Amino acid sequence: MKPPKISEGVFTDPDTVRDVIHNFNRDGFDALYPRYGGGRPPTFTLPQRQKIKKIALSVPTDLRPAVATWSLAKLAGYLVAEGW
């Protein structure tokens, strides 16, 4: 099958299909398990993430200033106000 026809079946762009085919021709089955560069280092430490998760899972009306429900913007604002 040609890349445009394959892309219809897997709901992706024909260029992506071509890239996968080229990578497969170069690396064989290892191309199906891409190597990632690791990305950006974590911004928060594990204890900080655990504390943020605890706050996010808490009932927001129990905290000051009280809000009815958490949204990402409200959680971020609360964390900034608390010095995070």
PDB file of N, CA and C in Angstrom:
ATOM      1  N   MET A   1       0.846  -1.184   0.000  1.00  0.00           N
ATOM      2  CA  MET A   1       0.000   0.000   0.000  1.00  0.00           C
ATOM      3  C   MET A   1       0.886   1.240   0.000  1.00  0.00           C
ATOM      4  N   LYS A   2       0.391   2.267  -0.587  1.00  0.00           N
ATOM      5  CA  LYS A   2       1.084   3.554  -0.624  1.00  0.00           C
ATOM      6  C   LYS A   2       0.806   4.316   0.671  1.00  0.00           C
ATOM      7  N   PRO A   3       1.736   5.203   1.092  1.00  0.00           N
ATOM      8  CA  PRO A   3       1.545   5.954   2.346  1.00  0.00           C
ATOM      9  C   PRO A   3       0.216   6.686   2.474  1.00  0.00           C
ATOM     10  N   PRO A   4      -0.310   7.340   1.414  1.00  0.00           N
ATOM     11  CA  PRO A   4      -1.607   8.008   1.597  1.00  0.00           C
ATOM     12  C   PRO A   4      -2.726   7.031   1.964  1.00  0.00           C
ATOM     13  N   LYS A   5      -2.707   5.839   1.378  1.00  0.00           N
ATOM     14  CA  LYS A   5      -3.741   4.849   1.683  1.00  0.00           C
ATOM     15  C   LYS A   5      -3.566   4.314   3.105  1.00  0.00           C
ATOM     16  N   ILE A   6      -2.313   4.066   3.517  1.00  0.00           N
ATOM     17  CA  ILE A   6      -2.045   3.605   4.893  1.00  0.00           C
ATOM     18  C   ILE A   6      -2.502   4.675   5.887  1.00  0.00           C
ATOM     19  N   SER A   7      -2.205   5.942   5.578  1.00  0.00           N
ATOM     20  CA  SER A   7      -2.550   7.030   6.508  1.00  0.00           C
ATOM     21  C   SER A   7      -4.055   7.128   6.731  1.00  0.00           C
ATOM     22  N   GLU A   8      -4.851   6.796   5.723  1.00  0.00           N
ATOM     23  CA  GLU A   8      -6.302   6.792   5.904  1.00  0.00           C
ATOM     24  C   GLU A   8      -6.720   5.722   6.906  1.00  0.00           C
ATOM     25  N   GLY A   9      -6.055   4.573   6.846  1.00  0.00           N
ATOM     26  CA  GLY A   9      -6.408   3.465   7.734  1.00  0.00           C
ATOM     27  C   GLY A   9      -5.994   3.665   9.173  1.00  0.00           C
ATOM     28  N   VAL A  10      -4.924   4.439   9.389  1.00  0.00           N
ATOM     29  CA  VAL A  10      -4.437   4.640  10.759  1.00  0.00           C
ATOM     30  C   VAL A  10      -4.678   6.066  11.257  1.00  0.00           C
ATOM     31  N   PHE A  11      -5.435   6.838  10.461  1.00  0.00           N
ATOM     32  CA  PHE A  11      -5.844   8.192  10.858  1.00  0.00           C
ATOM     33  C   PHE A  11      -4.654   9.085  11.206  1.00  0.00           C
ATOM     34  N   THR A  12      -3.704   9.149  10.295  1.00  0.00           N
ATOM     35  CA  THR A  12      -2.550  10.017  10.496  1.00  0.00           C
ATOM     36  C   THR A  12      -2.157  10.643   9.166  1.00  0.00           C
ATOM     37  N   ASP A  13      -1.124  11.427   9.184  1.00  0.00           N
ATOM     38  CA  ASP A  13      -0.641  12.135   8.014  1.00  0.00           C
ATOM     39  C   ASP A  13       0.239  11.211   7.159  1.00  0.00           C
ATOM     40  N   PRO A  14       0.176  11.306   5.821  1.00  0.00           N
ATOM     41  CA  PRO A  14       1.042  10.478   4.975  1.00  0.00           C
ATOM     42  C   PRO A  14       2.532  10.683   5.250  1.00  0.00           C
ATOM     43  N   ASP A  15       2.924  11.909   5.627  1.00  0.00           N
ATOM     44  CA  ASP A  15       4.338  12.155   5.942  1.00  0.00           C
ATOM     45  C   ASP A  15       4.780  11.356   7.165  1.00  0.00           C
ATOM     46  N   THR A  16       3.894  11.214   8.147  1.00  0.00           N
ATOM     47  CA  THR A  16       4.203  10.415   9.330  1.00  0.00           C
ATOM     48  C   THR A  16       4.393   8.958   8.937  1.00  0.00           C
ATOM     49  N   VAL A  17       3.533   8.460   8.051  1.00  0.00           N
ATOM     50  CA  VAL A  17       3.662   7.084   7.568  1.00  0.00           C
ATOM     51  C   VAL A  17       5.001   6.904   6.859  1.00  0.00           C
ATOM     52  N   ARG A  18       5.363   7.856   6.010  1.00  0.00           N
ATOM     53  CA  ARG A  18       6.658   7.782   5.314  1.00  0.00           C
ATOM     54  C   ARG A  18       7.812   7.753   6.305  1.00  0.00           C
ATOM     55  N   ASP A  19       7.746   8.589   7.347  1.00  0.00           N
ATOM     56  CA  ASP A  19       8.808   8.606   8.356  1.00  0.00           C
ATOM     57  C   ASP A  19       8.941   7.246   9.042  1.00  0.00           C
ATOM     58  N   VAL A  20       7.803   6.646   9.385  1.00  0.00           N
ATOM     59  CA  VAL A  20       7.834   5.338  10.050  1.00  0.00           C
ATOM     60  C   VAL A  20       8.421   4.290   9.112  1.00  0.00           C
ATOM     61  N   ILE A  21       8.047   4.333   7.840  1.00  0.00           N
ATOM     62  CA  ILE A  21       8.588   3.375   6.875  1.00  0.00           C
ATOM     63  C   ILE A  21      10.096   3.553   6.735  1.00  0.00           C
ATOM     64  N   HIS A  22      10.549   4.787   6.602  1.00  0.00           N
ATOM     65  CA  HIS A  22      11.999   5.046   6.487  1.00  0.00           C
ATOM     66  C   HIS A  22      12.741   4.572   7.734  1.00  0.00           C
ATOM     67  N   ASN A  23      12.177   4.871   8.908  1.00  0.00           N
ATOM     68  CA  ASN A  23      12.813   4.429  10.152  1.00  0.00           C
ATOM     69  C   ASN A  23      12.843   2.909  10.249  1.00  0.00           C
ATOM     70  N   PHE A  24      11.765   2.258   9.803  1.00  0.00           N
ATOM     71  CA  PHE A  24      11.721   0.797   9.824  1.00  0.00           C
ATOM     72  C   PHE A  24      12.757   0.215   8.869  1.00  0.00           C
ATOM     73  N   ASN A  25      12.881   0.810   7.687  1.00  0.00           N
ATOM     74  CA  ASN A  25      13.874   0.323   6.731  1.00  0.00           C
ATOM     75  C   ASN A  25      15.296   0.490   7.263  1.00  0.00           C
ATOM     76  N   ARG A  26      15.516   1.530   8.059  1.00  0.00           N
ATOM     77  CA  ARG A  26      16.834   1.788   8.627  1.00  0.00           C
ATOM     78  C   ARG A  26      17.109   0.933   9.864  1.00  0.00           C
ATOM     79  N   ASP A  27      16.122   0.842  10.786  1.00  0.00           N
ATOM     80  CA  ASP A  27      16.365   0.230  12.088  1.00  0.00           C
ATOM     81  C   ASP A  27      15.655  -1.103  12.298  1.00  0.00           C
ATOM     82  N   GLY A  28      14.821  -1.527  11.375  1.00  0.00           N
ATOM     83  CA  GLY A  28      14.073  -2.765  11.551  1.00  0.00           C
ATOM     84  C   GLY A  28      12.998  -2.586  12.621  1.00  0.00           C
ATOM     85  N   PHE A  29      12.711  -3.675  13.346  1.00  0.00           N
ATOM     86  CA  PHE A  29      11.636  -3.628  14.346  1.00  0.00           C
ATOM     87  C   PHE A  29      11.952  -2.689  15.509  1.00  0.00           C
ATOM     88  N   ASP A  30      13.224  -2.349  15.717  1.00  0.00           N
ATOM     89  CA  ASP A  30      13.566  -1.389  16.774  1.00  0.00           C
ATOM     90  C   ASP A  30      12.935  -0.017  16.512  1.00  0.00           C
ATOM     91  N   ALA A  31      12.632   0.274  15.254  1.00  0.00           N
ATOM     92  CA  ALA A  31      12.014   1.563  14.921  1.00  0.00           C
ATOM     93  C   ALA A  31      10.612   1.679  15.504  1.00  0.00           C
ATOM     94  N   LEU A  32       9.979   0.549  15.837  1.00  0.00           N
ATOM     95  CA  LEU A  32       8.641   0.593  16.410  1.00  0.00           C
ATOM     96  C   LEU A  32       8.658   0.958  17.887  1.00  0.00           C
ATOM     97  N   TYR A  33       9.832   1.006  18.476  1.00  0.00           N
ATOM     98  CA  TYR A  33      10.003   1.410  19.881  1.00  0.00           C
ATOM     99  C   TYR A  33      10.918   2.619  19.899  1.00  0.00           C
ATOM    100  N   PRO A  34      10.378   3.822  19.615  1.00  0.00           N
ATOM    101  CA  PRO A  34      11.222   5.008  19.477  1.00  0.00           C
ATOM    102  C   PRO A  34      11.957   5.355  20.769  1.00  0.00           C
ATOM    103  N   ARG A  35      13.141   5.888  20.580  1.00  0.00           N
ATOM    104  CA  ARG A  35      13.955   6.356  21.711  1.00  0.00           C
ATOM    105  C   ARG A  35      13.677   7.845  21.897  1.00  0.00           C
ATOM    106  N   TYR A  36      13.301   8.203  23.096  1.00  0.00           N
ATOM    107  CA  TYR A  36      13.007   9.596  23.396  1.00  0.00           C
ATOM    108  C   TYR A  36      14.180  10.210  24.132  1.00  0.00           C
ATOM    109  N   GLY A  37      14.356  11.509  23.919  1.00  0.00           N
ATOM    110  CA  GLY A  37      15.472  12.216  24.512  1.00  0.00           C
ATOM    111  C   GLY A  37      15.325  12.506  25.996  1.00  0.00           C
ATOM    112  N   GLY A  38      14.181  12.223  26.559  1.00  0.00           N
ATOM    113  CA  GLY A  38      13.987  12.457  27.981  1.00  0.00           C
ATOM    114  C   GLY A  38      13.279  13.760  28.286  1.00  0.00           C
ATOM    115  N   GLY A  39      13.367  14.720  27.393  1.00  0.00           N
ATOM    116  CA  GLY A  39      12.637  15.962  27.589  1.00  0.00           C
ATOM    117  C   GLY A  39      13.213  16.852  28.669  1.00  0.00           C
ATOM    118  N   ARG A  40      12.425  17.798  29.069  1.00  0.00           N
ATOM    119  CA  ARG A  40      12.817  18.786  30.065  1.00  0.00           C
ATOM    120  C   ARG A  40      12.868  18.137  31.446  1.00  0.00           C
ATOM    121  N   PRO A  41      13.844  18.523  32.262  1.00  0.00           N
ATOM    122  CA  PRO A  41      13.893  17.970  33.622  1.00  0.00           C
ATOM    123  C   PRO A  41      12.677  18.413  34.437  1.00  0.00           C
ATOM    124  N   PRO A  42      12.274  17.628  35.433  1.00  0.00           N
ATOM    125  CA  PRO A  42      11.101  17.983  36.232  1.00  0.00           C
ATOM    126  C   PRO A  42      11.255  19.349  36.896  1.00  0.00           C
ATOM    127  N   THR A  43      10.155  20.087  36.930  1.00  0.00           N
ATOM    128  CA  THR A  43      10.154  21.404  37.553  1.00  0.00           C
ATOM    129  C   THR A  43       9.997  21.288  39.066  1.00  0.00           C
ATOM    130  N   PHE A  44       9.250  20.274  39.509  1.00  0.00           N
ATOM    131  CA  PHE A  44       8.993  20.088  40.926  1.00  0.00           C
ATOM    132  C   PHE A  44       9.600  18.771  41.395  1.00  0.00           C
ATOM    133  N   THR A  45      10.004  18.744  42.646  1.00  0.00           N
ATOM    134  CA  THR A  45      10.511  17.506  43.231  1.00  0.00           C
ATOM    135  C   THR A  45       9.329  16.590  43.558  1.00  0.00           C
ATOM    136  N   LEU A  46       9.614  15.342  43.853  1.00  0.00           N
ATOM    137  CA  LEU A  46       8.549  14.396  44.195  1.00  0.00           C
ATOM    138  C   LEU A  46       7.758  14.847  45.419  1.00  0.00           C
ATOM    139  N   PRO A  47       8.389  15.283  46.520  1.00  0.00           N
ATOM    140  CA  PRO A  47       7.593  15.760  47.664  1.00  0.00           C
ATOM    141  C   PRO A  47       6.710  16.962  47.309  1.00  0.00           C
ATOM    142  N   GLN A  48       7.211  17.852  46.469  1.00  0.00           N
ATOM    143  CA  GLN A  48       6.400  18.999  46.053  1.00  0.00           C
ATOM    144  C   GLN A  48       5.197  18.541  45.236  1.00  0.00           C
ATOM    145  N   ARG A  49       5.419  17.607  44.310  1.00  0.00           N
ATOM    146  CA  ARG A  49       4.310  17.095  43.509  1.00  0.00           C
ATOM    147  C   ARG A  49       3.270  16.402  44.383  1.00  0.00           C
ATOM    148  N   GLN A  50       3.740  15.674  45.403  1.00  0.00           N
ATOM    149  CA  GLN A  50       2.808  15.003  46.310  1.00  0.00           C
ATOM    150  C   GLN A  50       1.969  16.017  47.076  1.00  0.00           C
ATOM    151  N   LYS A  51       2.590  17.107  47.510  1.00  0.00           N
ATOM    152  CA  LYS A  51       1.861  18.158  48.232  1.00  0.00           C
ATOM    153  C   LYS A  51       0.843  18.835  47.317  1.00  0.00           C
ATOM    154  N   ILE A  52       1.234  19.114  46.063  1.00  0.00           N
ATOM    155  CA  ILE A  52       0.318  19.728  45.103  1.00  0.00           C
ATOM    156  C   ILE A  52      -0.852  18.788  44.831  1.00  0.00           C
ATOM    157  N   LYS A  53      -0.568  17.509  44.700  1.00  0.00           N
ATOM    158  CA  LYS A  53      -1.634  16.525  44.470  1.00  0.00           C
ATOM    159  C   LYS A  53      -2.589  16.495  45.651  1.00  0.00           C
ATOM    160  N   LYS A  54      -2.038  16.552  46.876  1.00  0.00           N
ATOM    161  CA  LYS A  54      -2.872  16.551  48.081  1.00  0.00           C
ATOM    162  C   LYS A  54      -3.792  17.769  48.090  1.00  0.00           C
ATOM    163  N   ILE A  55      -3.254  18.922  47.724  1.00  0.00           N
ATOM    164  CA  ILE A  55      -4.060  20.149  47.668  1.00  0.00           C
ATOM    165  C   ILE A  55      -5.128  20.024  46.583  1.00  0.00           C
ATOM    166  N   ALA A  56      -4.746  19.511  45.409  1.00  0.00           N
ATOM    167  CA  ALA A  56      -5.689  19.396  44.299  1.00  0.00           C
ATOM    168  C   ALA A  56      -6.826  18.430  44.610  1.00  0.00           C
ATOM    169  N   LEU A  57      -6.549  17.417  45.424  1.00  0.00           N
ATOM    170  CA  LEU A  57      -7.578  16.444  45.773  1.00  0.00           C
ATOM    171  C   LEU A  57      -8.393  16.842  46.994  1.00  0.00           C
ATOM    172  N   SER A  58      -7.997  17.941  47.637  1.00  0.00           N
ATOM    173  CA  SER A  58      -8.723  18.389  48.824  1.00  0.00           C
ATOM    174  C   SER A  58     -10.029  19.071  48.427  1.00  0.00           C
ATOM    175  N   VAL A  59     -10.881  19.250  49.411  1.00  0.00           N
ATOM    176  CA  VAL A  59     -12.127  19.990  49.192  1.00  0.00           C
ATOM    177  C   VAL A  59     -11.770  21.468  49.204  1.00  0.00           C
ATOM    178  N   PRO A  60     -11.957  22.167  48.087  1.00  0.00           N
ATOM    179  CA  PRO A  60     -11.478  23.556  48.012  1.00  0.00           C
ATOM    180  C   PRO A  60     -12.188  24.508  48.971  1.00  0.00           C
ATOM    181  N   THR A  61     -13.386  24.152  49.429  1.00  0.00           N
ATOM    182  CA  THR A  61     -14.087  25.051  50.365  1.00  0.00           C
ATOM    183  C   THR A  61     -13.459  25.017  51.746  1.00  0.00           C
ATOM    184  N   ASP A  62     -12.596  24.012  52.033  1.00  0.00           N
ATOM    185  CA  ASP A  62     -11.930  23.931  53.334  1.00  0.00           C
ATOM    186  C   ASP A  62     -10.689  24.814  53.413  1.00  0.00           C
ATOM    187  N   LEU A  63     -10.237  25.345  52.292  1.00  0.00           N
ATOM    188  CA  LEU A  63      -9.014  26.143  52.248  1.00  0.00           C
ATOM    189  C   LEU A  63      -9.359  27.624  52.195  1.00  0.00           C
ATOM    190  N   ARG A  64      -8.375  28.442  52.470  1.00  0.00           N
ATOM    191  CA  ARG A  64      -8.548  29.889  52.399  1.00  0.00           C
ATOM    192  C   ARG A  64      -7.659  30.430  51.306  1.00  0.00           C
ATOM    193  N   PRO A  65      -8.142  31.241  50.409  1.00  0.00           N
ATOM    194  CA  PRO A  65      -9.542  31.616  50.243  1.00  0.00           C
ATOM    195  C   PRO A  65     -10.330  30.449  49.654  1.00  0.00           C
ATOM    196  N   ALA A  66     -11.544  30.278  50.137  1.00  0.00           N
ATOM    197  CA  ALA A  66     -12.380  29.165  49.713  1.00  0.00           C
ATOM    198  C   ALA A  66     -12.911  29.392  48.297  1.00  0.00           C
ATOM    199  N   VAL A  67     -12.890  28.339  47.510  1.00  0.00           N
ATOM    200  CA  VAL A  67     -13.498  28.361  46.184  1.00  0.00           C
ATOM    201  C   VAL A  67     -14.448  27.170  46.107  1.00  0.00           C
ATOM    202  N   ALA A  68     -15.446  27.261  45.231  1.00  0.00           N
ATOM    203  CA  ALA A  68     -16.446  26.199  45.146  1.00  0.00           C
ATOM    204  C   ALA A  68     -15.860  24.913  44.552  1.00  0.00           C
ATOM    205  N   THR A  69     -15.115  25.053  43.487  1.00  0.00           N
ATOM    206  CA  THR A  69     -14.499  23.899  42.830  1.00  0.00           C
ATOM    207  C   THR A  69     -13.126  24.290  42.307  1.00  0.00           C
ATOM    208  N   TRP A  70     -12.264  23.301  42.133  1.00  0.00           N
ATOM    209  CA  TRP A  70     -10.947  23.559  41.579  1.00  0.00           C
ATOM    210  C   TRP A  70     -11.025  23.613  40.061  1.00  0.00           C
ATOM    211  N   SER A  71     -10.336  24.551  39.496  1.00  0.00           N
ATOM    212  CA  SER A  71     -10.008  24.552  38.074  1.00  0.00           C
ATOM    213  C   SER A  71      -8.493  24.662  38.043  1.00  0.00           C
ATOM    214  N   LEU A  72      -7.905  24.430  36.902  1.00  0.00           N
ATOM    215  CA  LEU A  72      -6.456  24.530  36.826  1.00  0.00           C
ATOM    216  C   LEU A  72      -5.990  25.944  37.153  1.00  0.00           C
ATOM    217  N   ALA A  73      -6.721  26.932  36.676  1.00  0.00           N
ATOM    218  CA  ALA A  73      -6.356  28.323  36.953  1.00  0.00           C
ATOM    219  C   ALA A  73      -6.478  28.647  38.441  1.00  0.00           C
ATOM    220  N   LYS A  74      -7.552  28.164  39.083  1.00  0.00           N
ATOM    221  CA  LYS A  74      -7.733  28.431  40.518  1.00  0.00           C
ATOM    222  C   LYS A  74      -6.673  27.720  41.341  1.00  0.00           C
ATOM    223  N   LEU A  75      -6.341  26.477  40.964  1.00  0.00           N
ATOM    224  CA  LEU A  75      -5.301  25.742  41.682  1.00  0.00           C
ATOM    225  C   LEU A  75      -3.960  26.444  41.528  1.00  0.00           C
ATOM    226  N   ALA A  76      -3.643  26.864  40.316  1.00  0.00           N
ATOM    227  CA  ALA A  76      -2.386  27.580  40.082  1.00  0.00           C
ATOM    228  C   ALA A  76      -2.346  28.880  40.880  1.00  0.00           C
ATOM    229  N   GLY A  77      -3.449  29.618  40.886  1.00  0.00           N
ATOM    230  CA  GLY A  77      -3.509  30.860  41.661  1.00  0.00           C
ATOM    231  C   GLY A  77      -3.331  30.612  43.144  1.00  0.00           C
ATOM    232  N   TYR A  78      -3.969  29.562  43.648  1.00  0.00           N
ATOM    233  CA  TYR A  78      -3.835  29.218  45.064  1.00  0.00           C
ATOM    234  C   TYR A  78      -2.380  28.871  45.395  1.00  0.00           C
ATOM    235  N   LEU A  79      -1.750  28.070  44.550  1.00  0.00           N
ATOM    236  CA  LEU A  79      -0.359  27.664  44.808  1.00  0.00           C
ATOM    237  C   LEU A  79       0.587  28.860  44.770  1.00  0.00           C
ATOM    238  N   VAL A  80       0.344  29.782  43.840  1.00  0.00           N
ATOM    239  CA  VAL A  80       1.170  30.998  43.766  1.00  0.00           C
ATOM    240  C   VAL A  80       0.960  31.842  45.019  1.00  0.00           C
ATOM    241  N   ALA A  81      -0.294  31.994  45.440  1.00  0.00           N
ATOM    242  CA  ALA A  81      -0.587  32.784  46.642  1.00  0.00           C
ATOM    243  C   ALA A  81       0.041  32.168  47.881  1.00  0.00           C
ATOM    244  N   GLU A  82       0.173  30.848  47.898  1.00  0.00           N
ATOM    245  CA  GLU A  82       0.788  30.148  49.033  1.00  0.00           C
ATOM    246  C   GLU A  82       2.306  30.105  48.947  1.00  0.00           C
ATOM    247  N   GLY A  83       2.879  30.700  47.889  1.00  0.00           N
ATOM    248  CA  GLY A  83       4.325  30.765  47.782  1.00  0.00           C
ATOM    249  C   GLY A  83       4.974  29.608  47.017  1.00  0.00           C
ATOM    250  N   TRP A  84       4.188  28.885  46.279  1.00  0.00           N
ATOM    251  CA  TRP A  84       4.738  27.787  45.487  1.00  0.00           C
ATOM    252  C   TRP A  84       5.309  28.340  44.215  1.00  0.00           C
TER     253      TRP A  84
END
